[in-house]
Every structure is written in structure tokens, then in C-alpha cells.
Protein backbone atom coordinates (compact mmCIF):
# COMPACT_ATOMS: atom_id res chain seq x y z
CA MET A 1 0.00 0.00 0.00
CA THR A 2 1.23 3.52 -0.84
CA TYR A 3 1.48 6.08 1.95
CA VAL A 4 1.50 9.87 1.84
CA LYS A 5 2.10 12.59 4.43
CA SER A 6 -0.94 13.96 6.24
CA ARG A 7 -1.42 17.63 7.26
CA GLN A 8 0.13 16.73 10.61
CA GLY A 9 3.18 15.16 8.93
CA THR A 10 2.30 11.55 9.77
CA ASP A 11 2.04 8.72 7.25
CA ARG A 12 -1.40 7.68 6.06
CA PRO A 13 -2.66 5.51 3.18
CA ALA A 14 -2.73 7.23 -0.19
CA PRO A 15 -6.24 8.45 -1.11
CA ALA A 16 -8.39 6.43 -3.48
CA SER A 17 -8.80 9.54 -5.65
CA GLN A 18 -5.68 11.65 -5.95
CA THR A 19 -7.54 14.29 -7.96
CA LEU A 20 -10.23 14.70 -5.30
CA SER A 21 -7.60 14.78 -2.57
CA ARG A 22 -5.67 17.52 -4.36
CA GLY A 23 -8.84 19.56 -4.87
CA ILE A 24 -9.66 19.35 -1.18
CA ARG A 25 -6.07 20.26 -0.34
CA ILE A 26 -6.39 23.41 -2.46
CA LEU A 27 -9.39 24.48 -0.38
CA GLU A 28 -7.41 23.82 2.81
CA VAL A 29 -4.44 25.82 1.51
CA LEU A 30 -6.65 28.80 0.62
CA ALA A 31 -8.41 28.65 4.00
CA ASP A 32 -5.07 28.64 5.82
CA ALA A 33 -3.50 31.38 3.69
CA ARG A 34 -5.67 34.27 4.98
CA ALA A 35 -5.02 36.03 1.64
CA PRO A 36 -5.55 35.30 -2.08
CA LEU A 37 -2.83 33.20 -3.73
CA SER A 38 -1.48 32.93 -7.25
CA ILE A 39 -1.78 29.72 -9.25
CA ASP A 40 2.01 29.34 -9.06
CA GLU A 41 1.95 29.60 -5.26
CA ILE A 42 -0.87 27.07 -4.99
CA ALA A 43 1.03 24.68 -7.27
CA ARG A 44 4.14 25.11 -5.12
CA ARG A 45 2.27 24.37 -1.89
CA LEU A 46 0.70 21.27 -3.43
CA ASP A 47 4.00 20.23 -5.01
CA VAL A 48 2.37 19.78 -8.42
CA HIS A 49 2.96 21.23 -11.88
CA ARG A 50 1.23 24.54 -12.62
CA SER A 51 -0.93 22.92 -15.31
CA VAL A 52 -2.27 20.40 -12.77
CA ALA A 53 -3.13 23.17 -10.31
CA TYR A 54 -4.79 25.15 -13.10
CA ARG A 55 -7.08 22.27 -14.10
CA LEU A 56 -8.08 21.65 -10.49
CA LEU A 57 -8.79 25.32 -9.93
CA ARG A 58 -10.94 25.56 -13.06
CA THR A 59 -13.14 22.74 -11.74
CA LEU A 60 -13.40 24.32 -8.28
CA GLU A 61 -14.17 27.67 -9.90
CA ASP A 62 -16.96 26.14 -12.01
CA HIS A 63 -18.61 25.00 -8.76
CA GLY A 64 -18.18 28.37 -7.04
CA LEU A 65 -15.80 26.99 -4.44
CA VAL A 66 -12.99 29.34 -5.49
CA GLU A 67 -12.96 32.66 -7.32
CA ARG A 68 -10.47 35.17 -8.70
CA ASP A 69 -10.05 38.70 -7.41
CA SER A 70 -9.41 41.75 -9.58
CA ALA A 71 -5.70 40.89 -9.75
CA GLY A 72 -6.38 37.32 -10.86
CA LEU A 73 -5.41 35.80 -7.51
CA ILE A 74 -7.37 32.85 -6.14
CA GLU A 75 -9.49 32.90 -2.98
CA LEU A 76 -12.31 30.84 -1.52
CA GLY A 77 -15.64 31.39 -3.26
CA ALA A 78 -19.03 32.29 -1.90
CA ARG A 79 -20.27 28.72 -2.33
CA MET A 80 -17.89 27.67 0.45
CA ALA A 81 -19.80 29.87 2.90
CA ALA A 82 -23.04 28.14 1.98
CA LEU A 83 -21.47 24.72 2.49
CA ALA A 84 -19.90 25.77 5.79
CA ALA A 85 -23.25 27.06 7.06
CA GLY A 86 -24.58 23.52 6.83
CA VAL A 87 -21.92 22.15 9.18
CA ALA A 88 -23.32 21.80 12.71
CA HIS A 89 -26.12 24.11 11.60
CA ASP A 90 -27.94 24.11 14.93
CA LEU A 91 -24.74 24.86 16.84
CA GLN A 92 -23.84 27.74 14.54
CA ALA A 93 -27.40 29.11 14.64
CA GLU A 94 -27.47 29.19 18.44
CA ALA A 95 -23.91 30.48 18.71
CA LEU A 96 -24.28 33.39 16.27
CA PRO A 97 -26.34 35.71 18.51
CA GLU A 98 -23.95 35.06 21.39
CA LEU A 99 -20.86 35.66 19.26
CA THR A 100 -22.41 38.90 18.02
CA ALA A 101 -23.24 40.04 21.54
CA VAL A 102 -19.73 39.30 22.84
CA ALA A 103 -18.11 41.06 19.88
CA GLY A 104 -20.25 44.12 20.57
CA ASP A 105 -19.76 44.09 24.33
CA LEU A 106 -15.99 43.61 24.29
CA GLY A 107 -15.10 45.21 20.95
CA MET A 108 -13.26 42.05 19.90
CA THR A 109 -13.65 39.43 17.22
CA CYS A 110 -15.47 36.46 18.74
CA PHE A 111 -15.49 33.00 17.21
CA LEU A 112 -16.62 29.41 17.65
CA ALA A 113 -13.96 26.70 17.31
CA VAL A 114 -14.35 22.93 17.11
CA LEU A 115 -11.99 19.96 17.09
CA ASP A 116 -11.16 18.32 13.75
CA HIS A 117 -8.78 15.40 14.29
CA ASP A 118 -5.73 17.12 15.83
CA GLU A 119 -6.65 20.61 14.66
CA CYS A 120 -8.72 23.49 15.98
CA VAL A 121 -11.04 24.85 13.27
CA THR A 122 -12.99 28.11 13.30
CA LEU A 123 -16.62 27.30 12.49
CA SER A 124 -18.07 30.81 12.64
CA SER A 125 -16.83 34.27 13.56
CA VAL A 126 -18.19 37.77 14.23
CA GLU A 127 -16.18 41.00 14.14
CA PRO A 128 -17.17 44.03 16.25
CA ARG A 129 -19.20 46.50 14.23
CA HIS A 130 -17.54 49.71 15.31
CA ALA A 131 -13.89 48.69 15.69
CA VAL A 132 -11.44 50.64 13.53
CA ASN A 133 -9.16 47.71 12.73
CA PRO A 134 -10.84 44.50 13.88
CA VAL A 135 -8.86 41.28 13.89
CA ALA A 136 -10.04 38.94 11.14
CA GLN A 137 -10.73 35.30 12.04
CA ARG A 138 -12.13 33.64 8.95
CA PRO A 139 -14.33 30.56 9.20
CA GLY A 140 -12.33 27.56 8.09
CA THR A 141 -9.13 28.84 9.68
CA ARG A 142 -7.32 25.95 11.33
CA HIS A 143 -4.21 25.34 13.38
CA PRO A 144 -2.91 22.54 15.63
CA VAL A 145 -5.06 22.06 18.71
CA THR A 146 -1.84 22.26 20.73
CA ARG A 147 -1.53 25.98 19.96
CA GLY A 148 -3.65 28.93 21.02
CA ALA A 149 -6.30 29.57 23.66
CA PRO A 150 -9.21 27.77 21.95
CA GLY A 151 -7.01 24.70 21.46
CA LYS A 152 -6.13 24.63 25.14
CA ALA A 153 -9.78 25.09 26.09
CA ILE A 154 -10.73 22.15 23.86
CA LEU A 155 -7.94 19.97 25.28
CA SER A 156 -9.17 20.78 28.79
CA LEU A 157 -12.36 18.87 27.91
CA MET A 158 -10.50 15.77 26.73
CA PRO A 159 -8.86 12.95 28.69
CA GLU A 160 -5.09 13.17 28.49
CA ALA A 161 -4.98 9.82 26.66
CA SER A 162 -6.85 11.47 23.76
CA TRP A 163 -4.43 14.36 23.38
CA PRO A 164 -2.17 14.46 20.30
CA THR A 165 1.26 12.95 20.71
CA GLY A 166 4.13 15.22 21.66
CA VAL A 167 2.32 17.50 24.11
CA SER A 168 5.03 19.27 26.11
CA PRO A 169 5.04 19.37 29.91
CA GLN A 170 4.49 23.14 29.71
CA LEU A 171 1.40 22.76 27.53
CA ALA A 172 0.07 19.97 29.75
CA ALA A 173 0.39 22.28 32.75
CA GLU A 174 -1.38 25.09 30.89
CA VAL A 175 -4.25 22.78 29.93
CA THR A 176 -4.55 21.54 33.51
CA ASP A 177 -4.63 25.14 34.69
CA ALA A 178 -7.27 26.00 32.07
CA ALA A 179 -9.43 23.11 33.25
CA ALA A 180 -9.17 24.31 36.85
CA ARG A 181 -10.02 27.97 36.24
CA GLY A 182 -12.42 27.45 33.32
CA PHE A 183 -10.60 29.42 30.63
CA ALA A 184 -7.40 29.48 28.61
CA THR A 185 -5.23 32.28 27.28
CA SER A 186 -2.56 32.68 24.63
CA HIS A 187 -0.25 35.37 23.27
CA ASP A 188 1.81 35.18 20.08
CA GLU A 189 1.04 31.47 19.68
CA VAL A 190 -0.96 31.41 16.45
CA ILE A 191 -0.51 34.89 14.97
CA PRO A 192 2.28 37.24 16.15
CA SER A 193 1.17 40.08 18.48
CA LEU A 194 -2.35 38.72 18.95
CA ARG A 195 -3.86 37.62 22.24
CA ALA A 196 -6.78 35.26 22.79
CA VAL A 197 -9.02 34.12 25.62
CA ALA A 198 -11.22 31.03 25.28
CA VAL A 199 -13.66 29.03 27.35
CA PRO A 200 -14.73 25.44 26.71
CA LEU A 201 -18.13 24.71 25.22
CA VAL A 202 -19.80 21.40 26.02
CA VAL A 203 -22.90 20.47 24.03
CA ARG A 204 -24.59 17.12 24.44
CA GLY A 205 -23.95 14.81 21.51
CA ARG A 206 -21.14 16.91 20.03
CA GLY A 207 -17.38 16.91 20.25
CA PRO A 208 -15.37 19.39 22.31
CA ALA A 209 -15.61 23.02 21.28
CA ALA A 210 -14.72 26.49 22.52
CA ILE A 211 -15.75 30.09 22.11
CA ALA A 212 -13.00 32.66 22.09
CA VAL A 213 -12.03 36.23 21.38
CA VAL A 214 -8.89 37.43 19.62
CA PHE A 215 -7.46 40.93 20.05
CA VAL A 216 -4.30 43.03 20.16
CA ALA A 217 -4.92 44.79 23.48
CA SER A 218 -7.85 45.41 25.83
CA ALA A 219 -8.78 47.36 28.92
CA HIS A 220 -10.55 44.23 30.19
CA THR A 221 -8.69 41.66 32.28
CA ASP A 222 -8.50 38.06 31.10
CA GLU A 223 -10.82 37.11 33.95
CA GLU A 224 -13.42 39.68 32.89
CA ILE A 225 -13.28 38.46 29.30
CA ALA A 226 -13.53 34.84 30.39
CA ALA A 227 -16.56 35.59 32.57
CA ARG A 228 -18.35 37.18 29.60
CA LEU A 229 -17.49 34.21 27.38
CA ALA A 230 -18.61 31.75 30.04
CA GLY A 231 -22.03 33.37 30.11
CA SER A 232 -22.38 32.90 26.36
CA SER A 233 -21.07 29.34 26.53
CA ALA A 234 -23.77 28.49 29.08
CA ALA A 235 -26.46 30.17 26.97
CA ILE A 236 -25.46 28.16 23.88
CA ARG A 237 -25.36 24.93 25.86
CA ASP A 238 -28.78 25.55 27.40
CA ALA A 239 -30.32 26.47 24.04
CA LEU A 240 -29.16 23.14 22.63
CA GLY A 241 -30.51 21.14 25.55
CA GLY A 242 -27.39 20.96 27.67
């Protein structure tokens, strides 16, 4: 059997459809990039010839999953938002008013994150309406669950035996501390200069999740932010039946 490298760098069986796998990988690359990319850059990140990347992109473009900006660079298309809205629809629907309220109350971008294998994925996000330069946190953004406040909050809900391999003693201590006090923090862990505070979100019948805010600086203490997030976490949980 042929093996390939996964997103986490571990070996896994080669996909049954290499073309489909590459198309999905393009969507992941664009979601992670946080900015439009050229065809050449996409081909480089996929380690394929430019002509291969071009054919894949044409198919994705035909389905509205990617689109070109005015400079001809590639970004995720509007159809992706429609597909994403169908993921955990009830959770997103109940979370949206709370995310909006937190963003307005604290003047920070507030988002819902869930666990996907060994990664923390942003499911939905709301920016404050009146902030001058709000921090962007696009749905679909992902990073290792071992980094950042929402990742720590999610790990605090999981038994240690289910954590990814290679968790450092320092991270283990931070997760234990987050479990004890009910919230996690981070600074410079995912994006340089940004801070985050997150609280765990437990919903019956669903995997571990977290709601979090991301910001550069704030007049609020971490404890004040966490208390506001905890109130929204409880409201979401109660709305979904605990």
C-alpha cells in the first residue's frame, strides 16, 4: 500500500482519488492562507505542476468553491460559505447571537472553534461593528489544537490519553490550569502580536468546542473576558438542551 504525508506530517494511506484529494487540499491551503494566492503559489504548496493546479482550480471555480479577485489571484468562493453554514447548523445558529453580543460588548472578534482530528477549526466568527481595525478570524481557519487559547480550552475537555502525541510538559500544565479555572489564554502562539481568551463549550452529543475572542490589546482583564465568554457558553449549551 502507498502512503502519503498527512497535514500533521504523519504517514497515512494514499487516497483512493488523488484528484479529489488535491482539490480538497487546495481548499485547505486557501483557508489557511488568509489572503488570495497565485496559481504558481498554490502549485508550489501542493508540489504539483502549474498545469495540474490550473485544471483543479478551473473545476473548483466552475462549482463556485474558489474565485479570482481583480488581480487574478485565487481565494475561496461564496459557495464555500453556503457549504460551511450547513456544518453543525444548529450549533452555529445558536452560537451566532452570542458571538455577536460578545463582539459588541468587548469590541473584539469572537469565534466558535471545534476539534477536527488534531486541529482546531474556526466554524463561525463575528467581528465588532464599530472597531477601527478589527482582527479577522475567517471561518475555516485551522491550526494545531496544541496551539492557542481555543485549542487549550478544547484539550481541557478531553482525557489526556486522547491528546495528540508530543504534548510538552508546559502545555500539559497550561491545559490543567485552564481546566481548573475554566478558561485558557494565549499570546503570540498562532498569529504574532495577537492575544486570545477562550472558554470550553460542552454540548450534548457533540465533540469538544470552545468560544474565544482574539485581540491586540484590551482594557478588560482576562478574567473579565472569560466571565463574559462563560455566560455565552452556558447560553449556547442551554439552548441546545445541555
